[in-house]
Amino acid sequence: MAKILSDGKLRRLPKRFLTRQKLSEETARRQAESDTFYQRCRAIFERVCPELIEEHYNWYIIIEPDSKDYSIDSDEMVAIQKMREQHPQGKVMIMRLNETGTCGRI
């Protein structure tokens, strides 16, 4: 990347500037992917939560959005294990069956 100076000469920008710019682009891309993943999981949570919350209040729900599959259990590790058996390579999200879906304090 280069910058044109007032006298018309071309000046190259330092390499660290280019590296920093690439890092910020990578960070923005990862954040967008994370937001999309969250929205997909949240849609599944909103769909299944009303029917599960009465009998399983504050249980953990593990969601795999590609298959729209989920697993619930009162023990977080058991719920994760159930989902890993079904989808060993899938990216999953852990939520709680409560009003907000959060697992702890924010």
C-alpha atoms as a PDB file:
ATOM      1  CA  MET A   1       0.000   0.000   0.000  1.00  0.00           C
ATOM      2  CA  ALA A   2       1.302   3.447  -0.802  1.00  0.00           C
ATOM      3  CA  LYS A   3       0.471   7.041  -0.020  1.00  0.00           C
ATOM      4  CA  ILE A   4       0.911  10.007  -2.365  1.00  0.00           C
ATOM      5  CA  LEU A   5       2.663  12.923  -0.699  1.00  0.00           C
ATOM      6  CA  SER A   6       1.921  16.625  -1.351  1.00  0.00           C
ATOM      7  CA  ASP A   7       4.949  16.937  -3.659  1.00  0.00           C
ATOM      8  CA  GLY A   8       3.564  14.119  -5.841  1.00  0.00           C
ATOM      9  CA  LYS A   9       6.052  11.485  -4.696  1.00  0.00           C
ATOM     10  CA  LEU A  10       4.909   8.020  -3.745  1.00  0.00           C
ATOM     11  CA  ARG A  11       5.641   6.861  -0.211  1.00  0.00           C
ATOM     12  CA  ARG A  12       5.290   3.263   0.908  1.00  0.00           C
ATOM     13  CA  LEU A  13       3.587   2.659   4.228  1.00  0.00           C
ATOM     14  CA  PRO A  14       5.453   0.653   6.868  1.00  0.00           C
ATOM     15  CA  LYS A  15       4.941  -3.100   6.891  1.00  0.00           C
ATOM     16  CA  ARG A  16       3.559  -3.021  10.431  1.00  0.00           C
ATOM     17  CA  PHE A  17       0.733  -0.744   9.245  1.00  0.00           C
ATOM     18  CA  LEU A  18      -0.250  -3.308   6.612  1.00  0.00           C
ATOM     19  CA  THR A  19      -0.072  -6.122   9.166  1.00  0.00           C
ATOM     20  CA  ARG A  20      -2.248  -4.155  11.587  1.00  0.00           C
ATOM     21  CA  GLN A  21      -4.773  -3.473   8.827  1.00  0.00           C
ATOM     22  CA  LYS A  22      -4.931  -7.169   7.889  1.00  0.00           C
ATOM     23  CA  LEU A  23      -5.400  -8.095  11.540  1.00  0.00           C
ATOM     24  CA  SER A  24      -8.316  -5.682  11.920  1.00  0.00           C
ATOM     25  CA  GLU A  25      -9.926  -7.090   8.755  1.00  0.00           C
ATOM     26  CA  GLU A  26      -9.465 -10.622  10.128  1.00  0.00           C
ATOM     27  CA  THR A  27     -10.951  -9.578  13.474  1.00  0.00           C
ATOM     28  CA  ALA A  28     -13.981  -8.045  11.735  1.00  0.00           C
ATOM     29  CA  ARG A  29     -14.466 -11.202   9.638  1.00  0.00           C
ATOM     30  CA  ARG A  30     -14.297 -13.452  12.717  1.00  0.00           C
ATOM     31  CA  GLN A  31     -16.726 -11.224  14.607  1.00  0.00           C
ATOM     32  CA  ALA A  32     -19.207 -11.371  11.718  1.00  0.00           C
ATOM     33  CA  GLU A  33     -18.945 -15.180  11.637  1.00  0.00           C
ATOM     34  CA  SER A  34     -19.460 -15.334  15.399  1.00  0.00           C
ATOM     35  CA  ASP A  35     -22.519 -13.076  15.211  1.00  0.00           C
ATOM     36  CA  THR A  36     -24.029 -15.199  12.434  1.00  0.00           C
ATOM     37  CA  PHE A  37     -23.392 -18.387  14.430  1.00  0.00           C
ATOM     38  CA  TYR A  38     -25.013 -16.858  17.523  1.00  0.00           C
ATOM     39  CA  GLN A  39     -28.099 -15.755  15.553  1.00  0.00           C
ATOM     40  CA  ARG A  40     -28.551 -19.252  14.113  1.00  0.00           C
ATOM     41  CA  CYS A  41     -28.282 -20.839  17.580  1.00  0.00           C
ATOM     42  CA  ARG A  42     -30.525 -18.217  19.158  1.00  0.00           C
ATOM     43  CA  ALA A  43     -33.280 -18.910  16.593  1.00  0.00           C
ATOM     44  CA  ILE A  44     -33.260 -22.611  17.558  1.00  0.00           C
ATOM     45  CA  PHE A  45     -33.236 -21.685  21.261  1.00  0.00           C
ATOM     46  CA  GLU A  46     -36.232 -19.352  20.838  1.00  0.00           C
ATOM     47  CA  ARG A  47     -38.131 -22.112  19.017  1.00  0.00           C
ATOM     48  CA  VAL A  48     -37.588 -24.922  21.566  1.00  0.00           C
ATOM     49  CA  CYS A  49     -37.287 -23.021  24.850  1.00  0.00           C
ATOM     50  CA  PRO A  50     -41.022 -22.458  25.540  1.00  0.00           C
ATOM     51  CA  GLU A  51     -41.795 -26.178  25.401  1.00  0.00           C
ATOM     52  CA  LEU A  52     -38.764 -27.228  27.479  1.00  0.00           C
ATOM     53  CA  ILE A  53     -38.477 -24.483  30.093  1.00  0.00           C
ATOM     54  CA  GLU A  54     -41.409 -25.631  32.254  1.00  0.00           C
ATOM     55  CA  GLU A  55     -40.058 -29.127  32.952  1.00  0.00           C
ATOM     56  CA  HIS A  56     -36.336 -28.422  32.598  1.00  0.00           C
ATOM     57  CA  TYR A  57     -35.842 -24.951  34.040  1.00  0.00           C
ATOM     58  CA  ASN A  58     -32.144 -23.924  34.242  1.00  0.00           C
ATOM     59  CA  TRP A  59     -30.938 -27.085  32.505  1.00  0.00           C
ATOM     60  CA  TYR A  60     -28.177 -26.766  29.938  1.00  0.00           C
ATOM     61  CA  ILE A  61     -29.000 -26.886  26.257  1.00  0.00           C
ATOM     62  CA  ILE A  62     -26.269 -27.552  23.710  1.00  0.00           C
ATOM     63  CA  ILE A  63     -27.195 -26.457  20.187  1.00  0.00           C
ATOM     64  CA  GLU A  64     -25.579 -27.525  16.898  1.00  0.00           C
ATOM     65  CA  PRO A  65     -27.077 -25.115  14.336  1.00  0.00           C
ATOM     66  CA  ASP A  66     -26.071 -26.911  11.111  1.00  0.00           C
ATOM     67  CA  SER A  67     -28.285 -29.902  11.909  1.00  0.00           C
ATOM     68  CA  LYS A  68     -30.669 -27.866  14.111  1.00  0.00           C
ATOM     69  CA  ASP A  69     -30.084 -30.559  16.739  1.00  0.00           C
ATOM     70  CA  TYR A  70     -29.862 -29.939  20.477  1.00  0.00           C
ATOM     71  CA  SER A  71     -29.200 -31.837  23.684  1.00  0.00           C
ATOM     72  CA  ILE A  72     -30.366 -30.986  27.212  1.00  0.00           C
ATOM     73  CA  ASP A  73     -29.288 -32.141  30.653  1.00  0.00           C
ATOM     74  CA  SER A  74     -29.036 -30.741  34.173  1.00  0.00           C
ATOM     75  CA  ASP A  75     -25.277 -31.455  34.083  1.00  0.00           C
ATOM     76  CA  GLU A  76     -23.348 -29.361  31.572  1.00  0.00           C
ATOM     77  CA  MET A  77     -20.713 -32.028  30.866  1.00  0.00           C
ATOM     78  CA  VAL A  78     -23.314 -34.743  30.247  1.00  0.00           C
ATOM     79  CA  ALA A  79     -25.161 -32.489  27.793  1.00  0.00           C
ATOM     80  CA  ILE A  80     -21.906 -31.722  25.964  1.00  0.00           C
ATOM     81  CA  GLN A  81     -21.005 -35.418  25.834  1.00  0.00           C
ATOM     82  CA  LYS A  82     -24.401 -36.298  24.346  1.00  0.00           C
ATOM     83  CA  MET A  83     -23.941 -33.708  21.605  1.00  0.00           C
ATOM     84  CA  ARG A  84     -20.322 -34.753  20.912  1.00  0.00           C
ATOM     85  CA  GLU A  85     -21.469 -38.338  20.362  1.00  0.00           C
ATOM     86  CA  GLN A  86     -23.937 -37.170  17.711  1.00  0.00           C
ATOM     87  CA  HIS A  87     -21.780 -34.417  16.148  1.00  0.00           C
ATOM     88  CA  PRO A  88     -18.091 -35.002  16.964  1.00  0.00           C
ATOM     89  CA  GLN A  89     -16.792 -32.200  14.716  1.00  0.00           C
ATOM     90  CA  GLY A  90     -19.711 -29.758  14.952  1.00  0.00           C
ATOM     91  CA  LYS A  91     -19.426 -26.292  16.440  1.00  0.00           C
ATOM     92  CA  VAL A  92     -21.895 -25.973  19.321  1.00  0.00           C
ATOM     93  CA  MET A  93     -23.267 -23.300  21.640  1.00  0.00           C
ATOM     94  CA  ILE A  94     -24.085 -23.803  25.309  1.00  0.00           C
ATOM     95  CA  MET A  95     -27.095 -21.997  26.749  1.00  0.00           C
ATOM     96  CA  ARG A  96     -29.409 -22.348  29.754  1.00  0.00           C
ATOM     97  CA  LEU A  97     -33.130 -23.005  29.627  1.00  0.00           C
ATOM     98  CA  ASN A  98     -34.197 -19.841  31.412  1.00  0.00           C
ATOM     99  CA  GLU A  99     -35.632 -16.451  30.481  1.00  0.00           C
ATOM    100  CA  THR A 100     -32.374 -15.112  29.022  1.00  0.00           C
ATOM    101  CA  GLY A 101     -30.500 -18.222  27.910  1.00  0.00           C
ATOM    102  CA  THR A 102     -27.368 -17.179  29.779  1.00  0.00           C
ATOM    103  CA  CYS A 103     -25.270 -19.633  31.782  1.00  0.00           C
ATOM    104  CA  GLY A 104     -23.965 -17.260  34.436  1.00  0.00           C
ATOM    105  CA  ARG A 105     -23.615 -13.650  35.471  1.00  0.00           C
ATOM    106  CA  ILE A 106     -23.038 -11.005  32.858  1.00  0.00           C
END
